[in-house]
């Protein structure tokens, strides 16, 4: 009786994977719900067999992948890595679509802060200090005090220039340069070049030193390190006397002992650029 019914009516049988028995039998059209939460993660196959009224059969396979289980992350070992000895691994499993309430913190895998973020942070801090020092103006009642009064620099002899370097040059360096090159002249590795023991700062001919302070610099390789951070130009902010003072401060500080310059040396370099 059952075989007669099968031959006289359309019928759909649904099979899962390699099961011999169908998980459902319907008369078309039919809608049913496939519960994948009972299946293991990985590849599966749904087979649909349809029978016509005259007993002819059609078969269709649909392959699909189940991902109900937790996601897995592994830090410290990648596929095809060549390793030896003991290695430290960080393994995490997080999330699952079948969970009614999902806790986001379970998906967070601890990891160190990338080095480029530290470099960016240092650049932002240095720029902020530079901007604050150069843009901040003291209140009027303090503007003419010895602490905040702008130094008045004129052309002087070598002996006077040494005194100028120790006072005004150091003050200008502190306000305009130390946020990048640091108070100790050692700069920041891979970000801002050092002035201590630098060949340009120690050179007998100060022309290149003056030119860099006046017109800036970027991309120079110093001791095998390329410094991409731009050195700002000070030609529009500092007078010839001020440039001479800060250059002399750099050429006589942190163990440097180079020939001093005068305002006329700065003026010559400035005019040659025009």
C-alpha atoms as a PDB file:
ATOM      1  CA  UNK A   1       0.000   0.000   0.000  1.00  0.00           C
ATOM      2  CA  UNK A   2       2.882   2.374   0.849  1.00  0.00           C
ATOM      3  CA  UNK A   3       4.639   1.735  -2.495  1.00  0.00           C
ATOM      4  CA  UNK A   4       1.420   2.458  -4.329  1.00  0.00           C
ATOM      5  CA  UNK A   5       1.074   5.779  -2.479  1.00  0.00           C
ATOM      6  CA  UNK A   6       4.699   6.672  -3.319  1.00  0.00           C
ATOM      7  CA  UNK A   7       4.110   6.082  -7.004  1.00  0.00           C
ATOM      8  CA  UNK A   8       0.855   8.029  -7.177  1.00  0.00           C
ATOM      9  CA  UNK A   9       1.880  11.279  -5.449  1.00  0.00           C
ATOM     10  CA  UNK A  10       4.742  13.732  -5.546  1.00  0.00           C
ATOM     11  CA  UNK A  11       7.080  13.297  -2.617  1.00  0.00           C
ATOM     12  CA  UNK A  12      10.223  14.991  -1.219  1.00  0.00           C
ATOM     13  CA  UNK A  13      12.724  13.229   1.025  1.00  0.00           C
ATOM     14  CA  UNK A  14      15.387  15.179   2.893  1.00  0.00           C
ATOM     15  CA  UNK A  15      18.637  13.500   3.975  1.00  0.00           C
ATOM     16  CA  UNK A  16      21.500  14.932   6.046  1.00  0.00           C
ATOM     17  CA  UNK A  17      25.087  13.917   5.392  1.00  0.00           C
ATOM     18  CA  UNK A  18      25.389  10.171   4.893  1.00  0.00           C
ATOM     19  CA  UNK A  19      22.340   9.129   6.900  1.00  0.00           C
ATOM     20  CA  UNK A  20      20.369   6.323   5.286  1.00  0.00           C
ATOM     21  CA  UNK A  21      17.082   7.457   6.753  1.00  0.00           C
ATOM     22  CA  UNK A  22      15.528  10.811   5.748  1.00  0.00           C
ATOM     23  CA  UNK A  23      15.160  13.492   8.380  1.00  0.00           C
ATOM     24  CA  UNK A  24      11.907  14.619   6.780  1.00  0.00           C
ATOM     25  CA  UNK A  25       9.383  13.554   4.135  1.00  0.00           C
ATOM     26  CA  UNK A  26       7.006  16.087   2.581  1.00  0.00           C
ATOM     27  CA  UNK A  27       4.521  16.601  -0.177  1.00  0.00           C
ATOM     28  CA  UNK A  28       5.707  19.581  -2.243  1.00  0.00           C
ATOM     29  CA  UNK A  29       5.803  22.451  -1.747  1.00  0.00           C
ATOM     30  CA  UNK A  30       7.146  22.196   1.799  1.00  0.00           C
ATOM     31  CA  UNK A  31       8.931  24.472   4.229  1.00  0.00           C
ATOM     32  CA  UNK A  32      10.926  23.083   7.139  1.00  0.00           C
ATOM     33  CA  UNK A  33      13.491  24.286   9.660  1.00  0.00           C
ATOM     34  CA  UNK A  34      16.989  22.810   9.776  1.00  0.00           C
ATOM     35  CA  UNK A  35      18.446  23.072  13.279  1.00  0.00           C
ATOM     36  CA  UNK A  36      22.229  23.415  12.788  1.00  0.00           C
ATOM     37  CA  UNK A  37      22.854  23.801  16.534  1.00  0.00           C
ATOM     38  CA  UNK A  38      22.822  20.014  16.829  1.00  0.00           C
ATOM     39  CA  UNK A  39      25.523  19.653  14.195  1.00  0.00           C
ATOM     40  CA  UNK A  40      29.263  19.731  14.613  1.00  0.00           C
ATOM     41  CA  UNK A  41      31.158  22.614  13.076  1.00  0.00           C
ATOM     42  CA  UNK A  42      32.523  21.837   9.657  1.00  0.00           C
ATOM     43  CA  UNK A  43      31.288  20.654   6.249  1.00  0.00           C
ATOM     44  CA  UNK A  44      27.893  18.976   5.857  1.00  0.00           C
ATOM     45  CA  UNK A  45      25.645  17.930   2.996  1.00  0.00           C
ATOM     46  CA  UNK A  46      21.897  18.212   2.558  1.00  0.00           C
ATOM     47  CA  UNK A  47      20.422  15.811  -0.008  1.00  0.00           C
ATOM     48  CA  UNK A  48      16.935  16.351  -1.414  1.00  0.00           C
ATOM     49  CA  UNK A  49      15.288  13.557  -3.394  1.00  0.00           C
ATOM     50  CA  UNK A  50      12.076  14.330  -5.251  1.00  0.00           C
ATOM     51  CA  UNK A  51       9.696  11.750  -6.736  1.00  0.00           C
ATOM     52  CA  UNK A  52       7.173  12.529  -9.454  1.00  0.00           C
ATOM     53  CA  UNK A  53       3.753  10.944  -9.757  1.00  0.00           C
ATOM     54  CA  UNK A  54       5.059   8.479 -12.308  1.00  0.00           C
ATOM     55  CA  UNK A  55       7.885   7.379 -10.019  1.00  0.00           C
ATOM     56  CA  UNK A  56      10.756   9.267 -11.594  1.00  0.00           C
ATOM     57  CA  UNK A  57      13.417  10.556  -9.163  1.00  0.00           C
ATOM     58  CA  UNK A  58      15.589  13.679  -9.016  1.00  0.00           C
ATOM     59  CA  UNK A  59      18.453  14.223  -6.596  1.00  0.00           C
ATOM     60  CA  UNK A  60      20.117  17.443  -5.499  1.00  0.00           C
ATOM     61  CA  UNK A  61      23.025  17.816  -3.043  1.00  0.00           C
ATOM     62  CA  UNK A  62      23.712  21.082  -1.226  1.00  0.00           C
ATOM     63  CA  UNK A  63      26.994  21.343   0.669  1.00  0.00           C
ATOM     64  CA  UNK A  64      27.211  23.802   3.535  1.00  0.00           C
ATOM     65  CA  UNK A  65      29.504  24.670   6.444  1.00  0.00           C
ATOM     66  CA  UNK A  66      28.379  25.043  10.047  1.00  0.00           C
ATOM     67  CA  UNK A  67      30.018  27.619  12.303  1.00  0.00           C
ATOM     68  CA  UNK A  68      28.154  27.480  15.602  1.00  0.00           C
ATOM     69  CA  UNK A  69      31.157  26.851  17.821  1.00  0.00           C
ATOM     70  CA  UNK A  70      33.537  29.438  19.274  1.00  0.00           C
ATOM     71  CA  UNK A  71      36.087  31.248  17.119  1.00  0.00           C
ATOM     72  CA  UNK A  72      39.730  30.404  17.811  1.00  0.00           C
ATOM     73  CA  UNK A  73      42.756  32.735  17.732  1.00  0.00           C
ATOM     74  CA  UNK A  74      46.392  31.729  18.179  1.00  0.00           C
ATOM     75  CA  UNK A  75      49.211  34.227  18.708  1.00  0.00           C
ATOM     76  CA  UNK A  76      52.829  33.160  18.613  1.00  0.00           C
ATOM     77  CA  UNK A  77      52.582  30.468  15.925  1.00  0.00           C
ATOM     78  CA  UNK A  78      51.553  30.752  12.295  1.00  0.00           C
ATOM     79  CA  UNK A  79      51.021  28.085   9.697  1.00  0.00           C
ATOM     80  CA  UNK A  80      54.292  26.744   8.246  1.00  0.00           C
ATOM     81  CA  UNK A  81      56.412  28.553  10.870  1.00  0.00           C
ATOM     82  CA  UNK A  82      59.802  26.980  11.562  1.00  0.00           C
ATOM     83  CA  UNK A  83      60.381  26.896  15.310  1.00  0.00           C
ATOM     84  CA  UNK A  84      62.685  25.316  17.861  1.00  0.00           C
ATOM     85  CA  UNK A  85      62.803  25.052  21.605  1.00  0.00           C
ATOM     86  CA  UNK A  86      59.982  26.340  23.764  1.00  0.00           C
ATOM     87  CA  UNK A  87      57.611  28.925  22.314  1.00  0.00           C
ATOM     88  CA  UNK A  88      54.997  30.993  24.134  1.00  0.00           C
ATOM     89  CA  UNK A  89      51.493  30.806  22.653  1.00  0.00           C
ATOM     90  CA  UNK A  90      48.363  32.785  23.442  1.00  0.00           C
ATOM     91  CA  UNK A  91      45.191  30.862  22.562  1.00  0.00           C
ATOM     92  CA  UNK A  92      41.672  32.250  22.816  1.00  0.00           C
ATOM     93  CA  UNK A  93      38.213  30.931  21.948  1.00  0.00           C
ATOM     94  CA  UNK A  94      35.341  33.371  21.747  1.00  0.00           C
ATOM     95  CA  UNK A  95      31.779  33.809  20.636  1.00  0.00           C
ATOM     96  CA  UNK A  96      29.212  31.317  19.455  1.00  0.00           C
ATOM     97  CA  UNK A  97      26.092  32.044  17.415  1.00  0.00           C
ATOM     98  CA  UNK A  98      24.025  29.653  19.502  1.00  0.00           C
ATOM     99  CA  UNK A  99      24.507  31.655  22.696  1.00  0.00           C
ATOM    100  CA  UNK A 100      21.496  33.744  23.656  1.00  0.00           C
ATOM    101  CA  UNK A 101      23.612  36.167  25.689  1.00  0.00           C
ATOM    102  CA  UNK A 102      27.090  36.863  24.388  1.00  0.00           C
ATOM    103  CA  UNK A 103      29.723  38.549  26.550  1.00  0.00           C
ATOM    104  CA  UNK A 104      31.934  40.826  24.364  1.00  0.00           C
ATOM    105  CA  UNK A 105      34.930  40.632  26.700  1.00  0.00           C
ATOM    106  CA  UNK A 106      35.340  36.961  25.866  1.00  0.00           C
ATOM    107  CA  UNK A 107      36.276  37.988  22.312  1.00  0.00           C
ATOM    108  CA  UNK A 108      39.157  40.199  23.430  1.00  0.00           C
ATOM    109  CA  UNK A 109      42.567  38.616  22.986  1.00  0.00           C
ATOM    110  CA  UNK A 110      45.293  40.490  24.911  1.00  0.00           C
ATOM    111  CA  UNK A 111      48.035  41.885  22.676  1.00  0.00           C
ATOM    112  CA  UNK A 112      50.851  44.427  23.068  1.00  0.00           C
ATOM    113  CA  UNK A 113      50.366  47.979  21.835  1.00  0.00           C
ATOM    114  CA  UNK A 114      51.923  48.243  18.332  1.00  0.00           C
ATOM    115  CA  UNK A 115      55.164  50.228  18.186  1.00  0.00           C
ATOM    116  CA  UNK A 116      53.736  52.625  15.588  1.00  0.00           C
ATOM    117  CA  UNK A 117      51.156  53.777  18.136  1.00  0.00           C
ATOM    118  CA  UNK A 118      53.954  54.661  20.582  1.00  0.00           C
ATOM    119  CA  UNK A 119      55.784  56.604  17.838  1.00  0.00           C
ATOM    120  CA  UNK A 120      52.575  58.450  16.961  1.00  0.00           C
ATOM    121  CA  UNK A 121      51.978  59.244  20.637  1.00  0.00           C
ATOM    122  CA  UNK A 122      55.518  60.635  21.037  1.00  0.00           C
ATOM    123  CA  UNK A 123      55.097  62.774  17.911  1.00  0.00           C
ATOM    124  CA  UNK A 124      51.799  64.187  19.175  1.00  0.00           C
ATOM    125  CA  UNK A 125      53.278  64.996  22.595  1.00  0.00           C
ATOM    126  CA  UNK A 126      56.380  66.602  21.050  1.00  0.00           C
ATOM    127  CA  UNK A 127      54.280  68.663  18.633  1.00  0.00           C
ATOM    128  CA  UNK A 128      51.988  69.764  21.479  1.00  0.00           C
ATOM    129  CA  UNK A 129      54.950  70.907  23.560  1.00  0.00           C
ATOM    130  CA  UNK A 130      56.445  72.695  20.573  1.00  0.00           C
ATOM    131  CA  UNK A 131      53.160  74.454  19.783  1.00  0.00           C
ATOM    132  CA  UNK A 132      52.513  75.426  23.409  1.00  0.00           C
ATOM    133  CA  UNK A 133      55.996  76.835  23.962  1.00  0.00           C
ATOM    134  CA  UNK A 134      55.909  78.914  20.783  1.00  0.00           C
ATOM    135  CA  UNK A 135      52.317  80.115  20.915  1.00  0.00           C
ATOM    136  CA  UNK A 136      51.854  80.789  24.613  1.00  0.00           C
ATOM    137  CA  UNK A 137      52.187  84.403  25.653  1.00  0.00           C
ATOM    138  CA  UNK A 138      52.684  85.379  29.317  1.00  0.00           C
ATOM    139  CA  UNK A 139      50.213  87.790  30.991  1.00  0.00           C
ATOM    140  CA  UNK A 140      51.034  91.443  30.563  1.00  0.00           C
ATOM    141  CA  UNK A 141      52.183  91.862  34.168  1.00  0.00           C
ATOM    142  CA  UNK A 142      54.853  89.186  33.623  1.00  0.00           C
ATOM    143  CA  UNK A 143      55.795  89.928  30.017  1.00  0.00           C
ATOM    144  CA  UNK A 144      58.664  92.294  30.871  1.00  0.00           C
ATOM    145  CA  UNK A 145      60.094  90.334  33.781  1.00  0.00           C
ATOM    146  CA  UNK A 146      63.544  88.731  33.381  1.00  0.00           C
ATOM    147  CA  UNK A 147      61.914  85.309  33.208  1.00  0.00           C
ATOM    148  CA  UNK A 148      59.723  86.010  30.172  1.00  0.00           C
ATOM    149  CA  UNK A 149      61.292  89.013  28.499  1.00  0.00           C
ATOM    150  CA  UNK A 150      62.442  88.241  24.970  1.00  0.00           C
ATOM    151  CA  UNK A 151      66.246  88.340  24.824  1.00  0.00           C
ATOM    152  CA  UNK A 152      67.759  91.235  22.913  1.00  0.00           C
ATOM    153  CA  UNK A 153      70.684  89.890  20.896  1.00  0.00           C
ATOM    154  CA  UNK A 154      73.110  91.969  18.896  1.00  0.00           C
ATOM    155  CA  UNK A 155      76.337  91.198  17.072  1.00  0.00           C
ATOM    156  CA  UNK A 156      79.080  90.631  19.597  1.00  0.00           C
ATOM    157  CA  UNK A 157      82.676  89.599  19.866  1.00  0.00           C
ATOM    158  CA  UNK A 158      83.684  85.985  20.357  1.00  0.00           C
ATOM    159  CA  UNK A 159      84.044  86.489  24.116  1.00  0.00           C
ATOM    160  CA  UNK A 160      80.616  88.097  24.375  1.00  0.00           C
ATOM    161  CA  UNK A 161      79.178  85.416  22.115  1.00  0.00           C
ATOM    162  CA  UNK A 162      80.233  82.732  24.577  1.00  0.00           C
ATOM    163  CA  UNK A 163      78.281  84.555  27.281  1.00  0.00           C
ATOM    164  CA  UNK A 164      75.345  84.964  24.889  1.00  0.00           C
ATOM    165  CA  UNK A 165      75.405  81.230  24.220  1.00  0.00           C
ATOM    166  CA  UNK A 166      75.229  80.404  27.901  1.00  0.00           C
ATOM    167  CA  UNK A 167      72.229  82.699  28.536  1.00  0.00           C
ATOM    168  CA  UNK A 168      70.066  83.595  25.559  1.00  0.00           C
ATOM    169  CA  UNK A 169      71.036  80.672  23.336  1.00  0.00           C
ATOM    170  CA  UNK A 170      70.106  78.189  26.040  1.00  0.00           C
ATOM    171  CA  UNK A 171      66.787  79.978  26.583  1.00  0.00           C
ATOM    172  CA  UNK A 172      65.922  79.908  22.888  1.00  0.00           C
ATOM    173  CA  UNK A 173      66.917  76.240  22.681  1.00  0.00           C
ATOM    174  CA  UNK A 174      64.722  75.386  25.662  1.00  0.00           C
ATOM    175  CA  UNK A 175      61.689  77.120  24.176  1.00  0.00           C
ATOM    176  CA  UNK A 176      62.079  76.137  20.519  1.00  0.00           C
ATOM    177  CA  UNK A 177      64.208  73.000  20.273  1.00  0.00           C
ATOM    178  CA  UNK A 178      64.230  70.919  23.448  1.00  0.00           C
ATOM    179  CA  UNK A 179      60.762  69.433  22.911  1.00  0.00           C
ATOM    180  CA  UNK A 180      62.262  67.433  20.023  1.00  0.00           C
ATOM    181  CA  UNK A 181      66.025  67.227  20.590  1.00  0.00           C
ATOM    182  CA  UNK A 182      65.585  67.048  24.395  1.00  0.00           C
ATOM    183  CA  UNK A 183      67.318  69.113  27.069  1.00  0.00           C
ATOM    184  CA  UNK A 184      70.302  66.768  26.989  1.00  0.00           C
ATOM    185  CA  UNK A 185      70.695  67.030  23.203  1.00  0.00           C
ATOM    186  CA  UNK A 186      70.263  63.283  22.741  1.00  0.00           C
ATOM    187  CA  UNK A 187      66.981  63.485  20.768  1.00  0.00           C
ATOM    188  CA  UNK A 188      64.608  60.516  20.549  1.00  0.00           C
ATOM    189  CA  UNK A 189      65.807  57.348  18.825  1.00  0.00           C
ATOM    190  CA  UNK A 190      64.379  56.916  15.319  1.00  0.00           C
ATOM    191  CA  UNK A 191      62.223  60.046  15.753  1.00  0.00           C
ATOM    192  CA  UNK A 192      64.375  63.125  16.431  1.00  0.00           C
ATOM    193  CA  UNK A 193      68.142  63.093  15.745  1.00  0.00           C
ATOM    194  CA  UNK A 194      70.699  63.821  18.486  1.00  0.00           C
ATOM    195  CA  UNK A 195      72.732  67.046  18.516  1.00  0.00           C
ATOM    196  CA  UNK A 196      75.297  65.700  20.951  1.00  0.00           C
ATOM    197  CA  UNK A 197      78.413  64.585  19.003  1.00  0.00           C
ATOM    198  CA  UNK A 198      76.624  65.220  15.693  1.00  0.00           C
ATOM    199  CA  UNK A 199      79.030  65.747  12.779  1.00  0.00           C
ATOM    200  CA  UNK A 200      77.116  68.771  11.482  1.00  0.00           C
ATOM    201  CA  UNK A 201      77.084  70.438  14.887  1.00  0.00           C
ATOM    202  CA  UNK A 202      80.801  69.754  15.411  1.00  0.00           C
ATOM    203  CA  UNK A 203      81.883  70.732  11.894  1.00  0.00           C
ATOM    204  CA  UNK A 204      84.510  73.454  11.524  1.00  0.00           C
ATOM    205  CA  UNK A 205      82.376  75.088   8.846  1.00  0.00           C
ATOM    206  CA  UNK A 206      79.042  76.024  10.489  1.00  0.00           C
ATOM    207  CA  UNK A 207      77.217  76.738   7.205  1.00  0.00           C
ATOM    208  CA  UNK A 208      75.242  73.479   7.109  1.00  0.00           C
ATOM    209  CA  UNK A 209      74.313  73.826  10.786  1.00  0.00           C
ATOM    210  CA  UNK A 210      72.984  77.337  10.200  1.00  0.00           C
ATOM    211  CA  UNK A 211      71.147  76.269   7.037  1.00  0.00           C
ATOM    212  CA  UNK A 212      69.287  73.485   8.855  1.00  0.00           C
ATOM    213  CA  UNK A 213      68.145  75.823  11.646  1.00  0.00           C
ATOM    214  CA  UNK A 214      66.994  78.443   9.134  1.00  0.00           C
ATOM    215  CA  UNK A 215      65.343  76.273   6.503  1.00  0.00           C
ATOM    216  CA  UNK A 216      64.626  72.927   8.211  1.00  0.00           C
ATOM    217  CA  UNK A 217      65.418  69.379   7.122  1.00  0.00           C
ATOM    218  CA  UNK A 218      63.728  66.015   6.553  1.00  0.00           C
ATOM    219  CA  UNK A 219      64.749  62.491   5.604  1.00  0.00           C
ATOM    220  CA  UNK A 220      68.458  62.730   6.467  1.00  0.00           C
ATOM    221  CA  UNK A 221      70.339  59.557   7.424  1.00  0.00           C
ATOM    222  CA  UNK A 222      72.346  60.025  10.647  1.00  0.00           C
ATOM    223  CA  UNK A 223      74.459  57.171  11.987  1.00  0.00           C
ATOM    224  CA  UNK A 224      72.588  54.758   9.737  1.00  0.00           C
ATOM    225  CA  UNK A 225      69.122  55.912  10.852  1.00  0.00           C
ATOM    226  CA  UNK A 226      66.790  57.795   8.501  1.00  0.00           C
ATOM    227  CA  UNK A 227      64.842  60.516  10.316  1.00  0.00           C
ATOM    228  CA  UNK A 228      61.577  61.113   8.487  1.00  0.00           C
ATOM    229  CA  UNK A 229      60.132  63.526  11.029  1.00  0.00           C
ATOM    230  CA  UNK A 230      60.470  67.033   9.515  1.00  0.00           C
ATOM    231  CA  UNK A 231      62.678  69.615  11.226  1.00  0.00           C
ATOM    232  CA  UNK A 232      60.746  72.927  11.045  1.00  0.00           C
ATOM    233  CA  UNK A 233      62.282  76.040   9.454  1.00  0.00           C
ATOM    234  CA  UNK A 234      62.990  78.915  11.848  1.00  0.00           C
ATOM    235  CA  UNK A 235      63.935  81.584   9.308  1.00  0.00           C
ATOM    236  CA  UNK A 236      60.641  83.441   9.829  1.00  0.00           C
ATOM    237  CA  UNK A 237      60.550  83.061  13.628  1.00  0.00           C
ATOM    238  CA  UNK A 238      64.125  83.839  14.695  1.00  0.00           C
ATOM    239  CA  UNK A 239      66.360  86.788  13.840  1.00  0.00           C
ATOM    240  CA  UNK A 240      69.943  86.384  12.673  1.00  0.00           C
ATOM    241  CA  UNK A 241      71.114  87.125  16.217  1.00  0.00           C
ATOM    242  CA  UNK A 242      68.768  84.562  17.729  1.00  0.00           C
ATOM    243  CA  UNK A 243      69.795  81.867  15.261  1.00  0.00           C
ATOM    244  CA  UNK A 244      73.457  82.592  16.009  1.00  0.00           C
ATOM    245  CA  UNK A 245      72.784  82.320  19.741  1.00  0.00           C
ATOM    246  CA  UNK A 246      71.002  78.959  19.573  1.00  0.00           C
ATOM    247  CA  UNK A 247      73.563  77.556  17.099  1.00  0.00           C
ATOM    248  CA  UNK A 248      76.366  78.596  19.460  1.00  0.00           C
ATOM    249  CA  UNK A 249      74.550  76.957  22.356  1.00  0.00           C
ATOM    250  CA  UNK A 250      74.335  73.685  20.432  1.00  0.00           C
ATOM    251  CA  UNK A 251      77.967  73.885  19.288  1.00  0.00           C
ATOM    252  CA  UNK A 252      79.254  74.314  22.868  1.00  0.00           C
ATOM    253  CA  UNK A 253      76.926  72.014  24.844  1.00  0.00           C
ATOM    254  CA  UNK A 254      76.804  68.281  25.706  1.00  0.00           C
ATOM    255  CA  UNK A 255      80.536  67.863  25.053  1.00  0.00           C
ATOM    256  CA  UNK A 256      80.466  69.692  21.689  1.00  0.00           C
ATOM    257  CA  UNK A 257      83.297  72.180  21.218  1.00  0.00           C
ATOM    258  CA  UNK A 258      82.957  73.727  17.762  1.00  0.00           C
ATOM    259  CA  UNK A 259      83.718  77.131  16.282  1.00  0.00           C
ATOM    260  CA  UNK A 260      81.211  79.833  17.218  1.00  0.00           C
ATOM    261  CA  UNK A 261      79.195  81.874  14.727  1.00  0.00           C
ATOM    262  CA  UNK A 262      78.002  85.451  14.558  1.00  0.00           C
ATOM    263  CA  UNK A 263      74.858  87.090  13.261  1.00  0.00           C
ATOM    264  CA  UNK A 264      76.624  88.081  10.040  1.00  0.00           C
ATOM    265  CA  UNK A 265      77.321  84.381   9.339  1.00  0.00           C
ATOM    266  CA  UNK A 266      73.627  83.637   9.667  1.00  0.00           C
ATOM    267  CA  UNK A 267      72.716  86.641   7.491  1.00  0.00           C
ATOM    268  CA  UNK A 268      75.024  85.391   4.744  1.00  0.00           C
ATOM    269  CA  UNK A 269      73.400  81.925   4.681  1.00  0.00           C
ATOM    270  CA  UNK A 270      69.916  83.463   4.767  1.00  0.00           C
ATOM    271  CA  UNK A 271      70.639  85.805   1.838  1.00  0.00           C
ATOM    272  CA  UNK A 272      72.227  83.057  -0.259  1.00  0.00           C
ATOM    273  CA  UNK A 273      68.960  81.096  -0.058  1.00  0.00           C
ATOM    274  CA  UNK A 274      66.943  83.979  -1.532  1.00  0.00           C
END
